[in-house]
Amino acid sequence: MRRWQPQKLAWMVALALVFGIQAHVSAQTLIWNLPAEGSWVRFQGTFEQTEARPGAAGGDLELPPWSEQVTIKALGSEMAEVAGEQKPCRWIEIRIERGKEVDGKLDTGLAGLEIYKVLVPETAIPQGITNQEGIPLSFLPVVKGYRKVGSGEITPIVSPALQLYPLGVLAGYYRTMTVGNAPEDLSTPAGPQSATKYEGKLEVERAGSRTQEDSTIWRSAEIPFGVAGWTANVVRQVKDERAPRDDFKTVSTVKSSVRLSGTGTDATSDLPDSN
């Protein structure tokens, strides 16, 4: 039942290595405003992968699609030391689930569930793509935090920043983006949402490989945390390192499409003993 899982996880690890060196051009996707304590938002969608098989009688291999579900919660607040000063901070929890639908339930397997609980300075919540100096907002700064994968133990987050792209959320932000002139209606499982479209593209090329990504993020100030949905399309190509660039051939394509599915005001932590 899970023979597709190692292939997909291996592809995502490779993607992280490819784009990890470009961390300065990506930005966090999910947090664009800070709603009231207890607010939560949930997204659902699909994650699909195709492996190229040139000359194969059956054509390209389309792996069984995964379902995706992302839940973000606004939890309690506390004062914490930030750059030598006591500042108001908020706990934010992000639950990412990816797996197969089995008997109406999402089977996340061994590694398809990730939960992040982080304490973030309230002033660090971004209001745009870049800060006042024009530097892309790549991460959420973390005062302290915790992480749980699958049925594993809760472990501290030792990094001073949280970046979910590309392993947690495939869509990324870019140094430059095309922004829609006006909000448009976006169809979602929670009903139509008025949201502004942000589009970006990124290409990383080496002598023997090339990875191209394009993403669309729909932003809406009316939704807790400010996002109505996102899509991402990633194409990986390879060639012999000495061959001309025209020899690049596509070896895999991954697509993710996620939309708002619900909101609420009764959020509780999935990691209640981690503070």
C-alpha atoms as a PDB file:
ATOM      1  CA  MET A   1       0.000   0.000   0.000  1.00  0.00           C
ATOM      2  CA  ARG A   2       2.921   2.369   0.612  1.00  0.00           C
ATOM      3  CA  ARG A   3       5.372   1.518  -2.134  1.00  0.00           C
ATOM      4  CA  TRP A   4       4.843   5.048  -3.454  1.00  0.00           C
ATOM      5  CA  GLN A   5       5.823   6.656  -0.176  1.00  0.00           C
ATOM      6  CA  PRO A   6       9.638   6.170  -0.269  1.00  0.00           C
ATOM      7  CA  GLN A   7       9.749   7.502  -3.833  1.00  0.00           C
ATOM      8  CA  LYS A   8       7.901  10.642  -2.926  1.00  0.00           C
ATOM      9  CA  LEU A   9       9.797  11.293   0.278  1.00  0.00           C
ATOM     10  CA  ALA A  10      13.115  10.824  -1.539  1.00  0.00           C
ATOM     11  CA  TRP A  11      12.024  13.319  -4.206  1.00  0.00           C
ATOM     12  CA  MET A  12      11.106  15.899  -1.573  1.00  0.00           C
ATOM     13  CA  VAL A  13      14.445  15.503   0.207  1.00  0.00           C
ATOM     14  CA  ALA A  14      16.200  16.063  -3.127  1.00  0.00           C
ATOM     15  CA  LEU A  15      14.074  19.158  -3.678  1.00  0.00           C
ATOM     16  CA  ALA A  16      15.077  20.522  -0.278  1.00  0.00           C
ATOM     17  CA  LEU A  17      18.746  20.093  -1.150  1.00  0.00           C
ATOM     18  CA  VAL A  18      18.279  21.837  -4.500  1.00  0.00           C
ATOM     19  CA  PHE A  19      16.401  24.837  -3.149  1.00  0.00           C
ATOM     20  CA  GLY A  20      18.071  24.939   0.252  1.00  0.00           C
ATOM     21  CA  ILE A  21      21.014  26.871  -1.196  1.00  0.00           C
ATOM     22  CA  GLN A  22      18.519  29.452  -2.430  1.00  0.00           C
ATOM     23  CA  ALA A  23      16.881  30.074   0.957  1.00  0.00           C
ATOM     24  CA  HIS A  24      17.339  33.828   0.600  1.00  0.00           C
ATOM     25  CA  VAL A  25      14.852  33.986  -2.277  1.00  0.00           C
ATOM     26  CA  SER A  26      12.011  32.057  -0.676  1.00  0.00           C
ATOM     27  CA  ALA A  27       9.725  33.226   2.098  1.00  0.00           C
ATOM     28  CA  GLN A  28       7.252  31.668   4.436  1.00  0.00           C
ATOM     29  CA  THR A  29       3.855  31.175   2.823  1.00  0.00           C
ATOM     30  CA  LEU A  30       1.287  30.725   5.553  1.00  0.00           C
ATOM     31  CA  ILE A  31       1.418  33.564   8.112  1.00  0.00           C
ATOM     32  CA  TRP A  32       0.430  37.060   6.943  1.00  0.00           C
ATOM     33  CA  ASN A  33      -1.620  38.347   9.856  1.00  0.00           C
ATOM     34  CA  LEU A  34      -2.075  37.488  13.524  1.00  0.00           C
ATOM     35  CA  PRO A  35      -5.693  36.625  14.386  1.00  0.00           C
ATOM     36  CA  ALA A  36      -7.280  36.567  17.828  1.00  0.00           C
ATOM     37  CA  GLU A  37      -6.241  33.907  20.303  1.00  0.00           C
ATOM     38  CA  GLY A  38      -8.152  30.682  19.639  1.00  0.00           C
ATOM     39  CA  SER A  39      -8.510  31.299  15.889  1.00  0.00           C
ATOM     40  CA  TRP A  40      -7.710  28.468  13.506  1.00  0.00           C
ATOM     41  CA  VAL A  41      -7.750  27.933   9.760  1.00  0.00           C
ATOM     42  CA  ARG A  42      -7.631  24.689   7.776  1.00  0.00           C
ATOM     43  CA  PHE A  43      -6.661  23.975   4.172  1.00  0.00           C
ATOM     44  CA  GLN A  44      -7.059  20.848   2.097  1.00  0.00           C
ATOM     45  CA  GLY A  45      -5.819  19.801  -1.313  1.00  0.00           C
ATOM     46  CA  THR A  46      -3.774  17.340  -3.328  1.00  0.00           C
ATOM     47  CA  PHE A  47      -0.123  16.495  -3.969  1.00  0.00           C
ATOM     48  CA  GLU A  48       0.682  14.740  -7.259  1.00  0.00           C
ATOM     49  CA  GLN A  49       3.904  13.394  -8.765  1.00  0.00           C
ATOM     50  CA  THR A  50       4.733  12.170 -12.283  1.00  0.00           C
ATOM     51  CA  GLU A  51       7.954  10.341 -13.209  1.00  0.00           C
ATOM     52  CA  ALA A  52       9.080  10.581 -16.842  1.00  0.00           C
ATOM     53  CA  ARG A  53       9.655   7.220 -18.590  1.00  0.00           C
ATOM     54  CA  PRO A  54      10.846   7.965 -22.146  1.00  0.00           C
ATOM     55  CA  GLY A  55      10.137   5.064 -24.478  1.00  0.00           C
ATOM     56  CA  ALA A  56       8.089   3.102 -21.939  1.00  0.00           C
ATOM     57  CA  ALA A  57       5.067   1.383 -23.449  1.00  0.00           C
ATOM     58  CA  GLY A  58       2.838   2.686 -20.678  1.00  0.00           C
ATOM     59  CA  GLY A  59       4.154   6.238 -20.898  1.00  0.00           C
ATOM     60  CA  ASP A  60       5.020   8.354 -17.871  1.00  0.00           C
ATOM     61  CA  LEU A  61       4.394   6.962 -14.381  1.00  0.00           C
ATOM     62  CA  GLU A  62       1.773   8.887 -12.428  1.00  0.00           C
ATOM     63  CA  LEU A  63       2.140   7.993  -8.761  1.00  0.00           C
ATOM     64  CA  PRO A  64      -1.036   7.722  -6.663  1.00  0.00           C
ATOM     65  CA  PRO A  65      -1.942  11.249  -5.485  1.00  0.00           C
ATOM     66  CA  TRP A  66      -1.701  12.245  -1.861  1.00  0.00           C
ATOM     67  CA  SER A  67      -4.225  14.302   0.049  1.00  0.00           C
ATOM     68  CA  GLU A  68      -2.877  17.316   1.925  1.00  0.00           C
ATOM     69  CA  GLN A  69      -4.295  19.035   4.991  1.00  0.00           C
ATOM     70  CA  VAL A  70      -2.751  22.032   6.758  1.00  0.00           C
ATOM     71  CA  THR A  71      -4.123  23.513   9.993  1.00  0.00           C
ATOM     72  CA  ILE A  72      -2.801  26.717  11.603  1.00  0.00           C
ATOM     73  CA  LYS A  73      -3.772  27.784  15.126  1.00  0.00           C
ATOM     74  CA  ALA A  74      -3.341  31.002  17.105  1.00  0.00           C
ATOM     75  CA  LEU A  75      -2.714  30.004  20.717  1.00  0.00           C
ATOM     76  CA  GLY A  76      -1.707  31.840  23.882  1.00  0.00           C
ATOM     77  CA  SER A  77       0.602  34.812  24.364  1.00  0.00           C
ATOM     78  CA  GLU A  78       3.514  35.534  26.687  1.00  0.00           C
ATOM     79  CA  MET A  79       6.342  38.000  27.145  1.00  0.00           C
ATOM     80  CA  ALA A  80       9.757  36.736  26.066  1.00  0.00           C
ATOM     81  CA  GLU A  81      13.244  38.116  25.572  1.00  0.00           C
ATOM     82  CA  VAL A  82      13.915  39.142  21.964  1.00  0.00           C
ATOM     83  CA  ALA A  83      17.243  40.811  21.109  1.00  0.00           C
ATOM     84  CA  GLY A  84      17.770  41.661  24.759  1.00  0.00           C
ATOM     85  CA  GLU A  85      14.312  43.161  25.297  1.00  0.00           C
ATOM     86  CA  GLN A  86      11.062  41.761  26.689  1.00  0.00           C
ATOM     87  CA  LYS A  87       8.485  41.732  23.889  1.00  0.00           C
ATOM     88  CA  PRO A  88       4.962  40.310  23.451  1.00  0.00           C
ATOM     89  CA  CYS A  89       4.989  36.960  21.622  1.00  0.00           C
ATOM     90  CA  ARG A  90       2.367  34.505  20.432  1.00  0.00           C
ATOM     91  CA  TRP A  91       2.276  30.737  20.161  1.00  0.00           C
ATOM     92  CA  ILE A  92       1.437  29.525  16.662  1.00  0.00           C
ATOM     93  CA  GLU A  93       0.894  25.872  15.836  1.00  0.00           C
ATOM     94  CA  ILE A  94       1.049  24.409  12.318  1.00  0.00           C
ATOM     95  CA  ARG A  95      -0.115  20.863  11.602  1.00  0.00           C
ATOM     96  CA  ILE A  96       0.756  19.401   8.189  1.00  0.00           C
ATOM     97  CA  GLU A  97      -0.742  16.077   7.095  1.00  0.00           C
ATOM     98  CA  ARG A  98      -0.036  14.315   3.827  1.00  0.00           C
ATOM     99  CA  GLY A  99      -1.093  10.784   2.865  1.00  0.00           C
ATOM    100  CA  LYS A 100      -3.715   8.524   1.304  1.00  0.00           C
ATOM    101  CA  GLU A 101      -7.437   8.566   1.936  1.00  0.00           C
ATOM    102  CA  VAL A 102      -8.359   5.209   3.502  1.00  0.00           C
ATOM    103  CA  ASP A 103     -11.980   4.547   4.537  1.00  0.00           C
ATOM    104  CA  GLY A 104     -12.687   8.254   4.628  1.00  0.00           C
ATOM    105  CA  LYS A 105      -9.667   9.032   6.833  1.00  0.00           C
ATOM    106  CA  LEU A 106      -6.259  10.462   6.000  1.00  0.00           C
ATOM    107  CA  ASP A 107      -3.559   7.796   6.491  1.00  0.00           C
ATOM    108  CA  THR A 108      -0.321   9.739   7.015  1.00  0.00           C
ATOM    109  CA  GLY A 109       1.899   6.658   7.399  1.00  0.00           C
ATOM    110  CA  LEU A 110       5.206   6.919   9.240  1.00  0.00           C
ATOM    111  CA  ALA A 111       6.292  10.430   8.247  1.00  0.00           C
ATOM    112  CA  GLY A 112       3.266  12.151   6.687  1.00  0.00           C
ATOM    113  CA  LEU A 113       2.376  14.105   9.841  1.00  0.00           C
ATOM    114  CA  GLU A 114       4.366  17.101  11.102  1.00  0.00           C
ATOM    115  CA  ILE A 115       3.394  19.485  13.905  1.00  0.00           C
ATOM    116  CA  TYR A 116       5.286  22.700  14.636  1.00  0.00           C
ATOM    117  CA  LYS A 117       4.568  24.835  17.701  1.00  0.00           C
ATOM    118  CA  VAL A 118       6.539  28.076  17.812  1.00  0.00           C
ATOM    119  CA  LEU A 119       6.630  31.221  19.919  1.00  0.00           C
ATOM    120  CA  VAL A 120       6.911  34.184  17.539  1.00  0.00           C
ATOM    121  CA  PRO A 121       7.354  37.909  18.319  1.00  0.00           C
ATOM    122  CA  GLU A 122       4.129  39.675  17.430  1.00  0.00           C
ATOM    123  CA  THR A 123       6.042  42.400  15.593  1.00  0.00           C
ATOM    124  CA  ALA A 124       7.654  39.774  13.317  1.00  0.00           C
ATOM    125  CA  ILE A 125       4.431  38.776  11.568  1.00  0.00           C
ATOM    126  CA  PRO A 126       4.978  39.998   7.972  1.00  0.00           C
ATOM    127  CA  GLN A 127       2.640  42.346   6.156  1.00  0.00           C
ATOM    128  CA  GLY A 128       4.232  41.942   2.725  1.00  0.00           C
ATOM    129  CA  ILE A 129       6.842  40.070   0.685  1.00  0.00           C
ATOM    130  CA  THR A 130       9.811  42.143   1.874  1.00  0.00           C
ATOM    131  CA  ASN A 131      10.748  44.179   4.940  1.00  0.00           C
ATOM    132  CA  GLN A 132      11.312  47.927   5.007  1.00  0.00           C
ATOM    133  CA  GLU A 133      14.791  47.459   3.530  1.00  0.00           C
ATOM    134  CA  GLY A 134      13.419  45.413   0.621  1.00  0.00           C
ATOM    135  CA  ILE A 135      14.861  42.117   1.904  1.00  0.00           C
ATOM    136  CA  PRO A 136      12.612  39.103   1.217  1.00  0.00           C
ATOM    137  CA  LEU A 137      10.887  37.745   4.319  1.00  0.00           C
ATOM    138  CA  SER A 138      12.193  34.197   4.193  1.00  0.00           C
ATOM    139  CA  PHE A 139      11.479  32.923   7.695  1.00  0.00           C
ATOM    140  CA  LEU A 140       9.438  33.329  10.839  1.00  0.00           C
ATOM    141  CA  PRO A 141      11.801  34.137  13.736  1.00  0.00           C
ATOM    142  CA  VAL A 142      11.357  31.692  16.605  1.00  0.00           C
ATOM    143  CA  VAL A 143      11.965  32.501  20.280  1.00  0.00           C
ATOM    144  CA  LYS A 144      11.421  28.842  21.136  1.00  0.00           C
ATOM    145  CA  GLY A 145       9.479  25.988  19.635  1.00  0.00           C
ATOM    146  CA  TYR A 146       8.761  22.287  19.325  1.00  0.00           C
ATOM    147  CA  ARG A 147       8.308  19.741  16.556  1.00  0.00           C
ATOM    148  CA  LYS A 148       6.694  16.324  16.291  1.00  0.00           C
ATOM    149  CA  VAL A 149       6.921  13.988  13.279  1.00  0.00           C
ATOM    150  CA  GLY A 150       4.554  11.032  12.966  1.00  0.00           C
ATOM    151  CA  SER A 151       4.332   9.105  16.233  1.00  0.00           C
ATOM    152  CA  GLY A 152       7.778  10.309  17.333  1.00  0.00           C
ATOM    153  CA  GLU A 153       8.690  12.254  20.426  1.00  0.00           C
ATOM    154  CA  ILE A 154       8.196  16.001  20.806  1.00  0.00           C
ATOM    155  CA  THR A 155      11.583  17.642  20.233  1.00  0.00           C
ATOM    156  CA  PRO A 156      12.741  21.266  20.673  1.00  0.00           C
ATOM    157  CA  ILE A 157      13.321  23.402  17.608  1.00  0.00           C
ATOM    158  CA  VAL A 158      16.897  24.615  17.942  1.00  0.00           C
ATOM    159  CA  SER A 159      16.898  26.865  14.878  1.00  0.00           C
ATOM    160  CA  PRO A 160      16.114  30.572  15.502  1.00  0.00           C
ATOM    161  CA  ALA A 161      13.788  30.579  12.497  1.00  0.00           C
ATOM    162  CA  LEU A 162      11.044  28.431  10.966  1.00  0.00           C
ATOM    163  CA  GLN A 163      10.907  27.737   7.247  1.00  0.00           C
ATOM    164  CA  LEU A 164       8.322  25.207   6.042  1.00  0.00           C
ATOM    165  CA  TYR A 165       9.300  25.365   2.369  1.00  0.00           C
ATOM    166  CA  PRO A 166       9.875  23.011   0.605  1.00  0.00           C
ATOM    167  CA  LEU A 167       9.354  19.894   2.758  1.00  0.00           C
ATOM    168  CA  GLY A 168       6.329  21.122   4.695  1.00  0.00           C
ATOM    169  CA  VAL A 169       4.686  23.428   2.151  1.00  0.00           C
ATOM    170  CA  LEU A 170       5.739  23.234  -1.479  1.00  0.00           C
ATOM    171  CA  ALA A 171       4.760  26.780  -2.462  1.00  0.00           C
ATOM    172  CA  GLY A 172       7.412  29.454  -1.936  1.00  0.00           C
ATOM    173  CA  TYR A 173       7.840  33.188  -2.237  1.00  0.00           C
ATOM    174  CA  TYR A 174      10.339  34.879  -4.503  1.00  0.00           C
ATOM    175  CA  ARG A 175      12.491  37.964  -4.752  1.00  0.00           C
ATOM    176  CA  THR A 176      10.025  39.370  -7.278  1.00  0.00           C
ATOM    177  CA  MET A 177       6.341  38.491  -7.648  1.00  0.00           C
ATOM    178  CA  THR A 178       3.495  39.494  -9.900  1.00  0.00           C
ATOM    179  CA  VAL A 179       0.599  40.831  -7.839  1.00  0.00           C
ATOM    180  CA  GLY A 180      -2.970  40.981  -9.111  1.00  0.00           C
ATOM    181  CA  ASN A 181      -4.451  44.415  -9.666  1.00  0.00           C
ATOM    182  CA  ALA A 182      -7.593  43.611  -7.674  1.00  0.00           C
ATOM    183  CA  PRO A 183      -9.018  40.779  -5.557  1.00  0.00           C
ATOM    184  CA  GLU A 184     -10.746  37.976  -7.424  1.00  0.00           C
ATOM    185  CA  ASP A 185     -13.143  35.221  -6.415  1.00  0.00           C
ATOM    186  CA  LEU A 186     -11.357  31.997  -5.488  1.00  0.00           C
ATOM    187  CA  SER A 187     -13.398  28.811  -5.287  1.00  0.00           C
ATOM    188  CA  THR A 188     -12.630  26.849  -2.100  1.00  0.00           C
ATOM    189  CA  PRO A 189     -14.265  24.011  -0.102  1.00  0.00           C
ATOM    190  CA  ALA A 190     -15.265  26.723   2.396  1.00  0.00           C
ATOM    191  CA  GLY A 191     -17.020  28.719  -0.336  1.00  0.00           C
ATOM    192  CA  PRO A 192     -15.863  31.522  -2.650  1.00  0.00           C
ATOM    193  CA  GLN A 193     -13.217  33.832  -1.183  1.00  0.00           C
ATOM    194  CA  SER A 194     -12.178  37.299  -2.330  1.00  0.00           C
ATOM    195  CA  ALA A 195      -8.379  37.111  -2.553  1.00  0.00           C
ATOM    196  CA  THR A 196      -5.446  38.757  -4.306  1.00  0.00           C
ATOM    197  CA  LYS A 197      -3.219  36.579  -6.471  1.00  0.00           C
ATOM    198  CA  TYR A 198       0.571  36.552  -5.994  1.00  0.00           C
ATOM    199  CA  GLU A 199       2.611  34.683  -8.623  1.00  0.00           C
ATOM    200  CA  GLY A 200       6.296  33.851  -8.663  1.00  0.00           C
ATOM    201  CA  LYS A 201       8.835  31.763 -10.574  1.00  0.00           C
ATOM    202  CA  LEU A 202      12.214  30.332  -9.663  1.00  0.00           C
ATOM    203  CA  GLU A 203      14.848  28.367 -11.579  1.00  0.00           C
ATOM    204  CA  VAL A 204      17.966  26.700 -10.197  1.00  0.00           C
ATOM    205  CA  GLU A 205      20.375  25.339 -12.829  1.00  0.00           C
ATOM    206  CA  ARG A 206      23.577  23.347 -12.487  1.00  0.00           C
ATOM    207  CA  ALA A 207      25.763  21.606 -15.049  1.00  0.00           C
ATOM    208  CA  GLY A 208      23.698  18.411 -14.985  1.00  0.00           C
ATOM    209  CA  SER A 209      20.347  19.416 -13.504  1.00  0.00           C
ATOM    210  CA  ARG A 210      17.709  22.124 -13.636  1.00  0.00           C
ATOM    211  CA  THR A 211      14.737  22.680 -11.336  1.00  0.00           C
ATOM    212  CA  GLN A 212      11.947  25.078 -12.236  1.00  0.00           C
ATOM    213  CA  GLU A 213       9.143  26.126  -9.917  1.00  0.00           C
ATOM    214  CA  ASP A 214       6.159  28.399 -10.211  1.00  0.00           C
ATOM    215  CA  SER A 215       3.753  29.145  -7.369  1.00  0.00           C
ATOM    216  CA  THR A 216       0.557  31.085  -6.849  1.00  0.00           C
ATOM    217  CA  ILE A 217      -0.580  32.265  -3.416  1.00  0.00           C
ATOM    218  CA  TRP A 218      -3.982  33.847  -2.823  1.00  0.00           C
ATOM    219  CA  ARG A 219      -3.975  36.335   0.047  1.00  0.00           C
ATOM    220  CA  SER A 220      -7.002  37.633   1.939  1.00  0.00           C
ATOM    221  CA  ALA A 221      -6.987  39.801   5.055  1.00  0.00           C
ATOM    222  CA  GLU A 222     -10.447  38.452   5.942  1.00  0.00           C
ATOM    223  CA  ILE A 223      -9.111  34.943   6.650  1.00  0.00           C
ATOM    224  CA  PRO A 224      -7.185  34.059   9.835  1.00  0.00           C
ATOM    225  CA  PHE A 225      -3.445  34.302   9.048  1.00  0.00           C
ATOM    226  CA  GLY A 226      -4.218  35.928   5.662  1.00  0.00           C
ATOM    227  CA  VAL A 227      -4.096  33.126   3.069  1.00  0.00           C
ATOM    228  CA  ALA A 228      -6.949  31.557   1.064  1.00  0.00           C
ATOM    229  CA  GLY A 229      -4.918  28.919  -0.801  1.00  0.00           C
ATOM    230  CA  TRP A 230      -1.868  28.158  -2.916  1.00  0.00           C
ATOM    231  CA  THR A 231      -0.600  26.059  -5.815  1.00  0.00           C
ATOM    232  CA  ALA A 232       2.884  24.980  -6.822  1.00  0.00           C
ATOM    233  CA  ASN A 233       4.318  23.241  -9.871  1.00  0.00           C
ATOM    234  CA  VAL A 234       7.909  21.915  -9.788  1.00  0.00           C
ATOM    235  CA  VAL A 235       9.701  20.394 -12.797  1.00  0.00           C
ATOM    236  CA  ARG A 236      13.087  18.679 -12.496  1.00  0.00           C
ATOM    237  CA  GLN A 237      15.282  18.110 -15.573  1.00  0.00           C
ATOM    238  CA  VAL A 238      18.670  16.429 -16.064  1.00  0.00           C
ATOM    239  CA  LYS A 239      21.368  16.044 -18.737  1.00  0.00           C
ATOM    240  CA  ASP A 240      24.976  14.982 -19.038  1.00  0.00           C
ATOM    241  CA  GLU A 241      27.129  17.693 -17.440  1.00  0.00           C
ATOM    242  CA  ARG A 242      29.053  18.257 -20.689  1.00  0.00           C
ATOM    243  CA  ALA A 243      26.009  18.264 -22.945  1.00  0.00           C
ATOM    244  CA  PRO A 244      24.469  21.524 -24.244  1.00  0.00           C
ATOM    245  CA  ARG A 245      21.543  23.085 -22.361  1.00  0.00           C
ATOM    246  CA  ASP A 246      19.139  21.986 -25.102  1.00  0.00           C
ATOM    247  CA  ASP A 247      19.656  18.406 -23.886  1.00  0.00           C
ATOM    248  CA  PHE A 248      17.816  18.934 -20.609  1.00  0.00           C
ATOM    249  CA  LYS A 249      15.045  16.325 -20.269  1.00  0.00           C
ATOM    250  CA  THR A 250      12.234  16.319 -17.719  1.00  0.00           C
ATOM    251  CA  VAL A 251      12.513  13.489 -15.184  1.00  0.00           C
ATOM    252  CA  SER A 252       9.785  14.422 -12.705  1.00  0.00           C
ATOM    253  CA  THR A 253       6.936  16.845 -12.093  1.00  0.00           C
ATOM    254  CA  VAL A 254       5.257  17.591  -8.771  1.00  0.00           C
ATOM    255  CA  LYS A 255       2.063  19.579  -8.334  1.00  0.00           C
ATOM    256  CA  SER A 256       0.377  20.805  -5.174  1.00  0.00           C
ATOM    257  CA  SER A 257      -2.986  22.562  -4.965  1.00  0.00           C
ATOM    258  CA  VAL A 258      -4.425  23.599  -1.581  1.00  0.00           C
ATOM    259  CA  ARG A 259      -7.523  25.643  -0.693  1.00  0.00           C
ATOM    260  CA  LEU A 260      -9.256  26.971   2.415  1.00  0.00           C
ATOM    261  CA  SER A 261     -11.615  24.389   3.921  1.00  0.00           C
ATOM    262  CA  GLY A 262     -12.668  25.952   7.223  1.00  0.00           C
ATOM    263  CA  THR A 263     -12.037  28.386  10.088  1.00  0.00           C
ATOM    264  CA  GLY A 264     -12.952  28.528  13.767  1.00  0.00           C
ATOM    265  CA  THR A 265     -12.354  30.188  17.126  1.00  0.00           C
ATOM    266  CA  ASP A 266     -11.874  27.206  19.464  1.00  0.00           C
ATOM    267  CA  ALA A 267      -8.246  26.241  18.764  1.00  0.00           C
ATOM    268  CA  THR A 268      -6.417  24.018  21.242  1.00  0.00           C
ATOM    269  CA  SER A 269      -2.870  22.706  21.024  1.00  0.00           C
ATOM    270  CA  ASP A 270      -1.959  19.248  19.733  1.00  0.00           C
ATOM    271  CA  LEU A 271       1.219  19.557  21.838  1.00  0.00           C
ATOM    272  CA  PRO A 272      -0.294  20.752  25.133  1.00  0.00           C
ATOM    273  CA  ASP A 273       2.667  19.843  27.345  1.00  0.00           C
ATOM    274  CA  SER A 274       5.363  21.453  25.212  1.00  0.00           C
ATOM    275  CA  ASN A 275       5.355  25.056  26.478  1.00  0.00           C
END
